[in-house]
Structures are given as structure tokens and as C-alpha cells.
PDB file of N, CA and C in Angstrom:
ATOM      1  N   MET A   1      -1.217  -6.802 -25.276  1.00  0.00           N
ATOM      2  CA  MET A   1      -0.483  -6.326 -24.128  1.00  0.00           C
ATOM      3  C   MET A   1      -0.999  -6.979 -22.894  1.00  0.00           C
ATOM      4  N   GLN A   2      -0.127  -7.403 -22.075  1.00  0.00           N
ATOM      5  CA  GLN A   2      -0.571  -8.101 -20.824  1.00  0.00           C
ATOM      6  C   GLN A   2      -0.951  -7.039 -19.813  1.00  0.00           C
ATOM      7  N   ALA A   3      -1.774  -7.490 -18.860  1.00  0.00           N
ATOM      8  CA  ALA A   3      -2.288  -6.512 -17.952  1.00  0.00           C
ATOM      9  C   ALA A   3      -1.806  -7.118 -16.581  1.00  0.00           C
ATOM     10  N   LEU A   4      -1.718  -6.282 -15.521  1.00  0.00           N
ATOM     11  CA  LEU A   4      -1.344  -6.609 -14.146  1.00  0.00           C
ATOM     12  C   LEU A   4      -2.421  -6.109 -13.129  1.00  0.00           C
ATOM     13  N   ARG A   5      -2.506  -6.967 -12.168  1.00  0.00           N
ATOM     14  CA  ARG A   5      -3.280  -6.545 -11.013  1.00  0.00           C
ATOM     15  C   ARG A   5      -2.324  -6.154  -9.921  1.00  0.00           C
ATOM     16  N   VAL A   6      -2.231  -4.959  -9.499  1.00  0.00           N
ATOM     17  CA  VAL A   6      -1.405  -4.543  -8.396  1.00  0.00           C
ATOM     18  C   VAL A   6      -2.229  -4.587  -7.066  1.00  0.00           C
ATOM     19  N   ASP A   7      -1.671  -5.040  -6.080  1.00  0.00           N
ATOM     20  CA  ASP A   7      -2.350  -5.057  -4.802  1.00  0.00           C
ATOM     21  C   ASP A   7      -1.326  -4.167  -3.782  1.00  0.00           C
ATOM     22  N   ALA A   8      -1.929  -3.234  -3.204  1.00  0.00           N
ATOM     23  CA  ALA A   8      -1.003  -2.390  -2.168  1.00  0.00           C
ATOM     24  C   ALA A   8      -1.846  -2.293  -0.870  1.00  0.00           C
ATOM     25  N   LEU A   9      -1.150  -2.511   0.113  1.00  0.00           N
ATOM     26  CA  LEU A   9      -1.758  -2.552   1.538  1.00  0.00           C
ATOM     27  C   LEU A   9      -1.245  -1.270   2.216  1.00  0.00           C
ATOM     28  N   LEU A  10      -2.112  -0.327   2.319  1.00  0.00           N
ATOM     29  CA  LEU A  10      -1.658   0.861   3.115  1.00  0.00           C
ATOM     30  C   LEU A  10      -2.063   0.898   4.637  1.00  0.00           C
ATOM     31  N   PRO A  11      -1.142   1.355   5.372  1.00  0.00           N
ATOM     32  CA  PRO A  11      -1.351   1.254   6.792  1.00  0.00           C
ATOM     33  C   PRO A  11      -2.528   2.178   7.333  1.00  0.00           C
ATOM     34  N   ARG A  12      -3.254   1.660   8.236  1.00  0.00           N
ATOM     35  CA  ARG A  12      -4.225   2.533   8.934  1.00  0.00           C
ATOM     36  C   ARG A  12      -3.705   3.236  10.134  1.00  0.00           C
ATOM     37  N   PHE A  13      -2.415   2.715  10.646  1.00  0.00           N
ATOM     38  CA  PHE A  13      -1.932   3.313  11.756  1.00  0.00           C
ATOM     39  C   PHE A  13      -0.359   3.552  11.497  1.00  0.00           C
ATOM     40  N   TYR A  14       0.217   4.563  12.153  1.00  0.00           N
ATOM     41  CA  TYR A  14       1.644   4.766  12.198  1.00  0.00           C
ATOM     42  C   TYR A  14       2.256   3.560  13.028  1.00  0.00           C
ATOM     43  N   ASN A  15       3.516   3.415  12.912  1.00  0.00           N
ATOM     44  CA  ASN A  15       4.178   2.400  13.660  1.00  0.00           C
ATOM     45  C   ASN A  15       4.132   2.893  15.233  1.00  0.00           C
ATOM     46  N   PRO A  16       4.258   1.991  16.115  1.00  0.00           N
ATOM     47  CA  PRO A  16       4.115   2.375  17.546  1.00  0.00           C
ATOM     48  C   PRO A  16       5.210   3.325  17.938  1.00  0.00           C
ATOM     49  N   ASP A  17       4.860   4.254  18.909  1.00  0.00           N
ATOM     50  CA  ASP A  17       5.860   5.065  19.529  1.00  0.00           C
ATOM     51  C   ASP A  17       6.564   4.340  20.622  1.00  0.00           C
ATOM     52  N   GLN A  18       7.505   4.958  21.253  1.00  0.00           N
ATOM     53  CA  GLN A  18       8.164   4.332  22.332  1.00  0.00           C
ATOM     54  C   GLN A  18       7.452   3.730  23.451  1.00  0.00           C
ATOM     55  N   LEU A  19       6.226   4.163  23.534  1.00  0.00           N
ATOM     56  CA  LEU A  19       5.286   3.647  24.592  1.00  0.00           C
ATOM     57  C   LEU A  19       4.317   2.585  24.098  1.00  0.00           C
ATOM     58  N   GLY A  20       4.548   2.350  22.789  1.00  0.00           N
ATOM     59  CA  GLY A  20       3.753   1.335  22.175  1.00  0.00           C
ATOM     60  C   GLY A  20       2.399   1.857  21.636  1.00  0.00           C
ATOM     61  N   ARG A  21       2.168   3.162  21.703  1.00  0.00           N
ATOM     62  CA  ARG A  21       0.938   3.670  21.211  1.00  0.00           C
ATOM     63  C   ARG A  21       1.022   3.860  19.713  1.00  0.00           C
ATOM     64  N   ARG A  22      -0.188   3.752  19.028  1.00  0.00           N
ATOM     65  CA  ARG A  22      -0.181   3.891  17.652  1.00  0.00           C
ATOM     66  C   ARG A  22      -1.247   4.901  17.241  1.00  0.00           C
ATOM     67  N   LYS A  23      -0.798   5.858  16.359  1.00  0.00           N
ATOM     68  CA  LYS A  23      -1.629   7.040  16.032  1.00  0.00           C
ATOM     69  C   LYS A  23      -2.164   6.619  14.515  1.00  0.00           C
ATOM     70  N   SER A  24      -3.558   6.982  14.352  1.00  0.00           N
ATOM     71  CA  SER A  24      -4.221   6.691  13.072  1.00  0.00           C
ATOM     72  C   SER A  24      -3.636   7.642  11.995  1.00  0.00           C
ATOM     73  N   ILE A  25      -3.528   6.924  10.798  1.00  0.00           N
ATOM     74  CA  ILE A  25      -3.097   7.683   9.734  1.00  0.00           C
ATOM     75  C   ILE A  25      -4.125   8.792   9.216  1.00  0.00           C
ATOM     76  N   GLU A  26      -3.810  10.006   8.980  1.00  0.00           N
ATOM     77  CA  GLU A  26      -4.838  11.035   8.639  1.00  0.00           C
ATOM     78  C   GLU A  26      -5.416  10.726   7.298  1.00  0.00           C
ATOM     79  N   PRO A  27      -6.772  10.938   7.266  1.00  0.00           N
ATOM     80  CA  PRO A  27      -7.572  10.666   6.054  1.00  0.00           C
ATOM     81  C   PRO A  27      -7.120  11.463   4.906  1.00  0.00           C
ATOM     82  N   ALA A  28      -6.586  12.708   5.192  1.00  0.00           N
ATOM     83  CA  ALA A  28      -6.054  13.525   3.902  1.00  0.00           C
ATOM     84  C   ALA A  28      -4.960  12.729   3.286  1.00  0.00           C
ATOM     85  N   LYS A  29      -4.116  12.100   3.980  1.00  0.00           N
ATOM     86  CA  LYS A  29      -2.833  11.306   3.534  1.00  0.00           C
ATOM     87  C   LYS A  29      -3.396  10.174   2.567  1.00  0.00           C
ATOM     88  N   VAL A  30      -4.401   9.521   3.015  1.00  0.00           N
ATOM     89  CA  VAL A  30      -5.007   8.406   2.283  1.00  0.00           C
ATOM     90  C   VAL A  30      -5.644   9.013   1.038  1.00  0.00           C
ATOM     91  N   GLN A  31      -6.373  10.028   1.070  1.00  0.00           N
ATOM     92  CA  GLN A  31      -6.995  10.681  -0.046  1.00  0.00           C
ATOM     93  C   GLN A  31      -5.978  11.109  -1.033  1.00  0.00           C
ATOM     94  N   GLN A  32      -4.872  11.692  -0.593  1.00  0.00           N
ATOM     95  CA  GLN A  32      -3.815  12.099  -1.479  1.00  0.00           C
ATOM     96  C   GLN A  32      -3.323  10.888  -2.284  1.00  0.00           C
ATOM     97  N   THR A  33      -3.014   9.749  -1.577  1.00  0.00           N
ATOM     98  CA  THR A  33      -2.701   8.581  -2.283  1.00  0.00           C
ATOM     99  C   THR A  33      -3.640   8.113  -3.331  1.00  0.00           C
ATOM    100  N   LEU A  34      -4.917   8.071  -2.898  1.00  0.00           N
ATOM    101  CA  LEU A  34      -5.800   7.657  -3.876  1.00  0.00           C
ATOM    102  C   LEU A  34      -6.024   8.600  -5.066  1.00  0.00           C
ATOM    103  N   ASP A  35      -5.823   9.949  -4.922  1.00  0.00           N
ATOM    104  CA  ASP A  35      -5.820  10.757  -5.983  1.00  0.00           C
ATOM    105  C   ASP A  35      -4.628  10.570  -6.927  1.00  0.00           C
ATOM    106  N   GLU A  36      -3.403  10.178  -6.304  1.00  0.00           N
ATOM    107  CA  GLU A  36      -2.246   9.853  -7.125  1.00  0.00           C
ATOM    108  C   GLU A  36      -2.480   8.628  -7.936  1.00  0.00           C
ATOM    109  N   ILE A  37      -3.055   7.575  -7.448  1.00  0.00           N
ATOM    110  CA  ILE A  37      -3.287   6.448  -8.292  1.00  0.00           C
ATOM    111  C   ILE A  37      -4.216   6.737  -9.401  1.00  0.00           C
ATOM    112  N   ARG A  38      -5.304   7.330  -9.249  1.00  0.00           N
ATOM    113  CA  ARG A  38      -6.313   7.755 -10.149  1.00  0.00           C
ATOM    114  C   ARG A  38      -5.628   8.591 -11.195  1.00  0.00           C
ATOM    115  N   SER A  39      -4.874   9.496 -10.768  1.00  0.00           N
ATOM    116  CA  SER A  39      -4.161  10.244 -11.894  1.00  0.00           C
ATOM    117  C   SER A  39      -3.252   9.628 -12.722  1.00  0.00           C
ATOM    118  N   ALA A  40      -2.496   8.620 -12.149  1.00  0.00           N
ATOM    119  CA  ALA A  40      -1.357   7.917 -12.730  1.00  0.00           C
ATOM    120  C   ALA A  40      -2.014   6.809 -13.571  1.00  0.00           C
ATOM    121  N   PHE A  41      -3.000   6.065 -13.029  1.00  0.00           N
ATOM    122  CA  PHE A  41      -3.476   4.930 -13.657  1.00  0.00           C
ATOM    123  C   PHE A  41      -5.073   4.924 -14.073  1.00  0.00           C
ATOM    124  N   GLY A  42      -5.673   5.962 -13.868  1.00  0.00           N
ATOM    125  CA  GLY A  42      -7.145   6.005 -14.273  1.00  0.00           C
ATOM    126  C   GLY A  42      -8.157   5.590 -13.167  1.00  0.00           C
ATOM    127  N   GLY A  43      -7.741   4.908 -12.220  1.00  0.00           N
ATOM    128  CA  GLY A  43      -8.747   4.342 -11.349  1.00  0.00           C
ATOM    129  C   GLY A  43      -8.152   3.358 -10.392  1.00  0.00           C
ATOM    130  N   TYR A  44      -9.029   2.826  -9.485  1.00  0.00           N
ATOM    131  CA  TYR A  44      -8.600   1.830  -8.433  1.00  0.00           C
ATOM    132  C   TYR A  44      -9.839   1.178  -7.937  1.00  0.00           C
ATOM    133  N   THR A  45      -9.641   0.133  -7.154  1.00  0.00           N
ATOM    134  CA  THR A  45     -10.829  -0.492  -6.409  1.00  0.00           C
ATOM    135  C   THR A  45     -10.177  -0.540  -4.944  1.00  0.00           C
ATOM    136  N   LEU A  46     -11.137   0.096  -3.961  1.00  0.00           N
ATOM    137  CA  LEU A  46     -10.658   0.092  -2.633  1.00  0.00           C
ATOM    138  C   LEU A  46     -11.517  -0.785  -1.758  1.00  0.00           C
ATOM    139  N   ASN A  47     -10.758  -1.534  -0.908  1.00  0.00           N
ATOM    140  CA  ASN A  47     -11.411  -2.278   0.006  1.00  0.00           C
ATOM    141  C   ASN A  47     -11.192  -1.607   1.405  1.00  0.00           C
ATOM    142  N   ASP A  48     -12.131  -0.819   1.861  1.00  0.00           N
ATOM    143  CA  ASP A  48     -11.891   0.019   3.118  1.00  0.00           C
ATOM    144  C   ASP A  48     -12.026  -0.732   4.342  1.00  0.00           C
ATOM    145  N   LEU A  49     -12.490  -1.984   4.273  1.00  0.00           N
ATOM    146  CA  LEU A  49     -12.580  -2.814   5.557  1.00  0.00           C
ATOM    147  C   LEU A  49     -11.223  -3.134   6.004  1.00  0.00           C
ATOM    148  N   PRO A  50     -11.117  -3.110   7.253  1.00  0.00           N
ATOM    149  CA  PRO A  50      -9.712  -3.341   7.883  1.00  0.00           C
ATOM    150  C   PRO A  50      -9.221  -4.803   7.460  1.00  0.00           C
ATOM    151  N   ILE A  51      -8.085  -4.757   6.862  1.00  0.00           N
ATOM    152  CA  ILE A  51      -7.282  -6.057   6.545  1.00  0.00           C
ATOM    153  C   ILE A  51      -6.266  -6.336   7.580  1.00  0.00           C
ATOM    154  N   THR A  52      -6.336  -7.247   8.538  1.00  0.00           N
ATOM    155  CA  THR A  52      -5.448  -7.337   9.602  1.00  0.00           C
ATOM    156  C   THR A  52      -4.541  -8.429   9.348  1.00  0.00           C
ATOM    157  N   GLY A  53      -3.363  -8.311  10.054  1.00  0.00           N
ATOM    158  CA  GLY A  53      -2.363  -9.264   9.912  1.00  0.00           C
ATOM    159  C   GLY A  53      -1.413  -9.216  11.175  1.00  0.00           C
ATOM    160  N   SER A  54      -0.538 -10.209  11.162  1.00  0.00           N
ATOM    161  CA  SER A  54       0.331 -10.292  12.302  1.00  0.00           C
ATOM    162  C   SER A  54       1.678 -10.774  11.669  1.00  0.00           C
ATOM    163  N   TRP A  55       2.790 -10.260  12.199  1.00  0.00           N
ATOM    164  CA  TRP A  55       4.124 -10.703  11.734  1.00  0.00           C
ATOM    165  C   TRP A  55       5.086 -10.489  12.909  1.00  0.00           C
ATOM    166  N   LEU A  56       6.263 -11.155  12.755  1.00  0.00           N
ATOM    167  CA  LEU A  56       7.412 -11.147  13.689  1.00  0.00           C
ATOM    168  C   LEU A  56       8.409  -9.997  13.281  1.00  0.00           C
ATOM    169  N   ASP A  57       8.497  -9.013  14.059  1.00  0.00           N
ATOM    170  CA  ASP A  57       9.683  -8.037  13.695  1.00  0.00           C
ATOM    171  C   ASP A  57      10.917  -8.706  13.621  1.00  0.00           C
ATOM    172  N   PRO A  58      11.722  -8.645  12.632  1.00  0.00           N
ATOM    173  CA  PRO A  58      13.030  -9.309  12.564  1.00  0.00           C
ATOM    174  C   PRO A  58      14.004  -8.619  13.517  1.00  0.00           C
ATOM    175  N   LYS A  59      13.783  -7.350  13.791  1.00  0.00           N
ATOM    176  CA  LYS A  59      14.879  -6.592  14.596  1.00  0.00           C
ATOM    177  C   LYS A  59      14.663  -6.910  16.123  1.00  0.00           C
ATOM    178  N   THR A  60      13.288  -6.908  16.528  1.00  0.00           N
ATOM    179  CA  THR A  60      13.021  -7.073  17.870  1.00  0.00           C
ATOM    180  C   THR A  60      12.450  -8.387  18.346  1.00  0.00           C
ATOM    181  N   LYS A  61      12.190  -9.217  17.349  1.00  0.00           N
ATOM    182  CA  LYS A  61      11.570 -10.503  17.510  1.00  0.00           C
ATOM    183  C   LYS A  61      10.158 -10.488  18.241  1.00  0.00           C
ATOM    184  N   LYS A  62       9.658  -9.253  18.243  1.00  0.00           N
ATOM    185  CA  LYS A  62       8.267  -9.110  18.903  1.00  0.00           C
ATOM    186  C   LYS A  62       7.220  -9.290  17.895  1.00  0.00           C
ATOM    187  N   SER A  63       6.111  -9.832  18.309  1.00  0.00           N
ATOM    188  CA  SER A  63       5.067  -9.937  17.393  1.00  0.00           C
ATOM    189  C   SER A  63       4.292  -8.612  17.279  1.00  0.00           C
ATOM    190  N   MET A  64       4.047  -8.267  15.906  1.00  0.00           N
ATOM    191  CA  MET A  64       3.412  -6.969  15.478  1.00  0.00           C
ATOM    192  C   MET A  64       1.915  -7.289  14.968  1.00  0.00           C
ATOM    193  N   GLU A  65       1.018  -6.527  15.215  1.00  0.00           N
ATOM    194  CA  GLU A  65      -0.308  -6.589  14.788  1.00  0.00           C
ATOM    195  C   GLU A  65      -0.573  -5.298  13.825  1.00  0.00           C
ATOM    196  N   ASP A  66      -1.045  -5.584  12.618  1.00  0.00           N
ATOM    197  CA  ASP A  66      -1.282  -4.471  11.706  1.00  0.00           C
ATOM    198  C   ASP A  66      -2.648  -4.456  11.158  1.00  0.00           C
ATOM    199  N   SER A  67      -3.088  -3.335  10.768  1.00  0.00           N
ATOM    200  CA  SER A  67      -4.296  -3.175  10.001  1.00  0.00           C
ATOM    201  C   SER A  67      -4.204  -2.264   8.797  1.00  0.00           C
ATOM    202  N   HIS A  68      -4.682  -2.693   7.717  1.00  0.00           N
ATOM    203  CA  HIS A  68      -4.475  -2.136   6.438  1.00  0.00           C
ATOM    204  C   HIS A  68      -5.784  -1.851   5.687  1.00  0.00           C
ATOM    205  N   THR A  69      -5.694  -0.944   4.660  1.00  0.00           N
ATOM    206  CA  THR A  69      -6.620  -0.826   3.683  1.00  0.00           C
ATOM    207  C   THR A  69      -6.077  -1.293   2.299  1.00  0.00           C
ATOM    208  N   SER A  70      -6.814  -2.129   1.693  1.00  0.00           N
ATOM    209  CA  SER A  70      -6.301  -2.827   0.381  1.00  0.00           C
ATOM    210  C   SER A  70      -6.845  -2.025  -0.769  1.00  0.00           C
ATOM    211  N   ILE A  71      -5.853  -1.853  -1.624  1.00  0.00           N
ATOM    212  CA  ILE A  71      -6.119  -1.138  -2.943  1.00  0.00           C
ATOM    213  C   ILE A  71      -5.718  -2.044  -4.044  1.00  0.00           C
ATOM    214  N   TRP A  72      -6.576  -2.233  -5.113  1.00  0.00           N
ATOM    215  CA  TRP A  72      -6.303  -3.011  -6.280  1.00  0.00           C
ATOM    216  C   TRP A  72      -6.243  -1.918  -7.528  1.00  0.00           C
ATOM    217  N   ILE A  73      -5.270  -2.074  -8.319  1.00  0.00           N
ATOM    218  CA  ILE A  73      -5.096  -1.288  -9.558  1.00  0.00           C
ATOM    219  C   ILE A  73      -4.746  -2.224 -10.704  1.00  0.00           C
ATOM    220  N   SER A  74      -5.550  -2.015 -11.810  1.00  0.00           N
ATOM    221  CA  SER A  74      -5.277  -2.718 -13.051  1.00  0.00           C
ATOM    222  C   SER A  74      -4.638  -1.792 -13.972  1.00  0.00           C
ATOM    223  N   VAL A  75      -3.467  -2.332 -14.492  1.00  0.00           N
ATOM    224  CA  VAL A  75      -2.617  -1.534 -15.316  1.00  0.00           C
ATOM    225  C   VAL A  75      -2.077  -2.467 -16.558  1.00  0.00           C
ATOM    226  N   GLU A  76      -1.612  -1.835 -17.689  1.00  0.00           N
ATOM    227  CA  GLU A  76      -0.892  -2.494 -18.676  1.00  0.00           C
ATOM    228  C   GLU A  76       0.538  -2.846 -18.150  1.00  0.00           C
ATOM    229  N   LYS A  77       0.985  -4.021 -18.510  1.00  0.00           N
ATOM    230  CA  LYS A  77       2.449  -4.372 -18.096  1.00  0.00           C
ATOM    231  C   LYS A  77       3.420  -3.653 -19.114  1.00  0.00           C
ATOM    232  N   ARG A  78       3.907  -2.684 -18.549  1.00  0.00           N
ATOM    233  CA  ARG A  78       5.003  -1.857 -19.378  1.00  0.00           C
ATOM    234  C   ARG A  78       6.147  -1.563 -18.388  1.00  0.00           C
ATOM    235  N   PRO A  79       7.315  -1.428 -18.803  1.00  0.00           N
ATOM    236  CA  PRO A  79       8.427  -0.984 -17.887  1.00  0.00           C
ATOM    237  C   PRO A  79       8.237   0.297 -17.173  1.00  0.00           C
ATOM    238  N   GLU A  80       7.536   1.390 -17.996  1.00  0.00           N
ATOM    239  CA  GLU A  80       7.289   2.587 -17.391  1.00  0.00           C
ATOM    240  C   GLU A  80       6.259   2.561 -16.239  1.00  0.00           C
ATOM    241  N   THR A  81       5.391   1.566 -16.393  1.00  0.00           N
ATOM    242  CA  THR A  81       4.328   1.382 -15.326  1.00  0.00           C
ATOM    243  C   THR A  81       4.962   0.848 -14.177  1.00  0.00           C
ATOM    244  N   ILE A  82       5.847  -0.167 -14.323  1.00  0.00           N
ATOM    245  CA  ILE A  82       6.547  -0.757 -13.120  1.00  0.00           C
ATOM    246  C   ILE A  82       7.291   0.314 -12.448  1.00  0.00           C
ATOM    247  N   ASN A  83       8.032   1.150 -13.160  1.00  0.00           N
ATOM    248  CA  ASN A  83       8.754   2.229 -12.597  1.00  0.00           C
ATOM    249  C   ASN A  83       7.972   3.165 -11.748  1.00  0.00           C
ATOM    250  N   LYS A  84       6.882   3.515 -12.414  1.00  0.00           N
ATOM    251  CA  LYS A  84       5.906   4.568 -11.656  1.00  0.00           C
ATOM    252  C   LYS A  84       5.429   3.835 -10.305  1.00  0.00           C
ATOM    253  N   LEU A  85       4.985   2.648 -10.361  1.00  0.00           N
ATOM    254  CA  LEU A  85       4.639   1.883  -9.152  1.00  0.00           C
ATOM    255  C   LEU A  85       5.767   1.936  -8.072  1.00  0.00           C
ATOM    256  N   LYS A  86       6.960   1.692  -8.442  1.00  0.00           N
ATOM    257  CA  LYS A  86       8.066   1.727  -7.610  1.00  0.00           C
ATOM    258  C   LYS A  86       8.341   3.131  -6.967  1.00  0.00           C
ATOM    259  N   GLN A  87       8.089   4.037  -7.710  1.00  0.00           N
ATOM    260  CA  GLN A  87       8.290   5.381  -7.419  1.00  0.00           C
ATOM    261  C   GLN A  87       7.157   5.710  -6.323  1.00  0.00           C
ATOM    262  N   LEU A  88       5.945   5.460  -6.625  1.00  0.00           N
ATOM    263  CA  LEU A  88       4.951   5.535  -5.703  1.00  0.00           C
ATOM    264  C   LEU A  88       5.073   4.844  -4.328  1.00  0.00           C
ATOM    265  N   LYS A  89       5.566   3.675  -4.453  1.00  0.00           N
ATOM    266  CA  LYS A  89       5.718   3.021  -3.301  1.00  0.00           C
ATOM    267  C   LYS A  89       6.778   3.647  -2.292  1.00  0.00           C
ATOM    268  N   GLU A  90       7.903   4.185  -2.951  1.00  0.00           N
ATOM    269  CA  GLU A  90       8.902   4.940  -2.111  1.00  0.00           C
ATOM    270  C   GLU A  90       8.263   6.058  -1.498  1.00  0.00           C
ATOM    271  N   GLU A  91       7.309   6.795  -2.175  1.00  0.00           N
ATOM    272  CA  GLU A  91       6.784   8.031  -1.693  1.00  0.00           C
ATOM    273  C   GLU A  91       5.785   7.608  -0.479  1.00  0.00           C
ATOM    274  N   TRP A  92       5.072   6.592  -0.723  1.00  0.00           N
ATOM    275  CA  TRP A  92       4.102   6.158   0.344  1.00  0.00           C
ATOM    276  C   TRP A  92       4.796   5.688   1.676  1.00  0.00           C
ATOM    277  N   LYS A  93       6.072   5.082   1.335  1.00  0.00           N
ATOM    278  CA  LYS A  93       6.748   4.681   2.538  1.00  0.00           C
ATOM    279  C   LYS A  93       7.068   5.968   3.369  1.00  0.00           C
ATOM    280  N   ARG A  94       7.496   7.075   2.678  1.00  0.00           N
ATOM    281  CA  ARG A  94       7.803   8.221   3.399  1.00  0.00           C
ATOM    282  C   ARG A  94       6.513   8.960   4.086  1.00  0.00           C
ATOM    283  N   ARG A  95       5.491   8.913   3.310  1.00  0.00           N
ATOM    284  CA  ARG A  95       4.305   9.560   3.756  1.00  0.00           C
ATOM    285  C   ARG A  95       3.681   8.976   4.999  1.00  0.00           C
ATOM    286  N   PHE A  96       3.663   7.619   4.999  1.00  0.00           N
ATOM    287  CA  PHE A  96       3.114   6.789   6.111  1.00  0.00           C
ATOM    288  C   PHE A  96       4.076   6.371   7.146  1.00  0.00           C
ATOM    289  N   GLU A  97       5.360   6.883   6.958  1.00  0.00           N
ATOM    290  CA  GLU A  97       6.465   6.524   7.987  1.00  0.00           C
ATOM    291  C   GLU A  97       6.526   5.086   8.192  1.00  0.00           C
ATOM    292  N   GLN A  98       6.733   4.338   6.997  1.00  0.00           N
ATOM    293  CA  GLN A  98       6.807   2.943   7.138  1.00  0.00           C
ATOM    294  C   GLN A  98       8.157   2.465   6.485  1.00  0.00           C
ATOM    295  N   GLU A  99       8.788   1.228   7.126  1.00  0.00           N
ATOM    296  CA  GLU A  99       9.907   0.719   6.629  1.00  0.00           C
ATOM    297  C   GLU A  99       9.684   0.141   5.183  1.00  0.00           C
ATOM    298  N   ASP A 100       8.380  -0.395   5.123  1.00  0.00           N
ATOM    299  CA  ASP A 100       8.093  -0.894   3.789  1.00  0.00           C
ATOM    300  C   ASP A 100       6.513  -0.852   3.603  1.00  0.00           C
ATOM    301  N   ILE A 101       6.032  -0.990   2.373  1.00  0.00           N
ATOM    302  CA  ILE A 101       4.600  -1.068   2.077  1.00  0.00           C
ATOM    303  C   ILE A 101       4.540  -2.326   1.309  1.00  0.00           C
ATOM    304  N   MET A 102       3.594  -3.201   1.624  1.00  0.00           N
ATOM    305  CA  MET A 102       3.394  -4.377   0.970  1.00  0.00           C
ATOM    306  C   MET A 102       2.607  -4.020  -0.461  1.00  0.00           C
ATOM    307  N   MET A 103       3.353  -4.379  -1.526  1.00  0.00           N
ATOM    308  CA  MET A 103       2.809  -4.107  -2.777  1.00  0.00           C
ATOM    309  C   MET A 103       3.351  -5.195  -3.778  1.00  0.00           C
ATOM    310  N   TYR A 104       2.423  -5.740  -4.502  1.00  0.00           N
ATOM    311  CA  TYR A 104       2.895  -6.767  -5.461  1.00  0.00           C
ATOM    312  C   TYR A 104       1.973  -6.764  -6.613  1.00  0.00           C
ATOM    313  N   TYR A 105       2.284  -7.451  -7.670  1.00  0.00           N
ATOM    314  CA  TYR A 105       1.390  -7.530  -8.822  1.00  0.00           C
ATOM    315  C   TYR A 105       1.429  -8.996  -9.289  1.00  0.00           C
ATOM    316  N   ILE A 106       0.304  -9.284  -9.926  1.00  0.00           N
ATOM    317  CA  ILE A 106       0.274 -10.528 -10.664  1.00  0.00           C
ATOM    318  C   ILE A 106      -0.201 -10.218 -12.087  1.00  0.00           C
ATOM    319  N   THR A 107       0.194 -11.106 -13.081  1.00  0.00           N
ATOM    320  CA  THR A 107      -0.260 -11.002 -14.530  1.00  0.00           C
ATOM    321  C   THR A 107      -1.640 -11.480 -14.439  1.00  0.00           C
ATOM    322  N   ILE A 108      -2.578 -10.794 -15.130  1.00  0.00           N
ATOM    323  CA  ILE A 108      -3.981 -11.225 -15.333  1.00  0.00           C
ATOM    324  C   ILE A 108      -4.450 -11.207 -16.869  1.00  0.00           C
ATOM    325  N   ASP A 109      -5.327 -12.094 -17.148  1.00  0.00           N
ATOM    326  CA  ASP A 109      -6.080 -12.140 -18.383  1.00  0.00           C
ATOM    327  C   ASP A 109      -7.486 -11.785 -17.940  1.00  0.00           C
ATOM    328  N   THR A 110      -7.988 -10.727 -18.658  1.00  0.00           N
ATOM    329  CA  THR A 110      -9.317 -10.279 -18.374  1.00  0.00           C
ATOM    330  C   THR A 110     -10.376 -11.079 -19.346  1.00  0.00           C
ATOM    331  N   LEU A 111     -11.560 -11.252 -18.906  1.00  0.00           N
ATOM    332  CA  LEU A 111     -12.553 -11.898 -19.721  1.00  0.00           C
ATOM    333  C   LEU A 111     -13.223 -10.951 -20.461  1.00  0.00           C
TER     334      LEU A 111
END
């Protein structure tokens, strides 16, 4: 069976309010997310150092700066696993009030 490495970037801040202020994501929401991953897949690797990036908002054409926490998950490549990941991504978008959550996977061969 093939394995996947799933990378997910969870936001550290909510999107800016009308005045451009950004509120930190509550630690309990992050912990809830980590608990979900452990329950669904048995574990994860967390890089809790800020991962920063910049992108151009396609709607406003303004430059946006982001800060994320990176999570790696190793799973078997199965249709039900992919479906579970898609469900979690949708839940996280609601929880963190995001238009999208960067999540992707690559096929891996372990040594």
C-alpha cells in the first residue's frame, strides 16, 4: 500500500477585520484540531515555529502577509483517507474562519 505525506498549514491569526487588525487563533482551537488528527490518523508532526508567507489577494489585489503552523501527517493512500482529509479541511476552514486552508499530499516511500 502506498503512503502519503499530508502537509497542512493552519493559520495563526484570523483574517483582518475592517480596520486591518488580526486576532490570534485561540490555542484551544489548535488543540482541538491536533486531537482530531491524532484520533483519525494515529499521530502527526508539528512544526510550531511560524511559517510566514505573502500572497496577492485576487479580490482586492492587496498584498497579504500570513503566519502558519505546519502539520505533517503520514497516512495510507486510500479513498476513505482522502475523503476524511477533505472533510477535516472543510471543518478547519469553518473553525478558523478561512476561505481556504493550504493542504496537499505527496506520495512517499519510506525507508
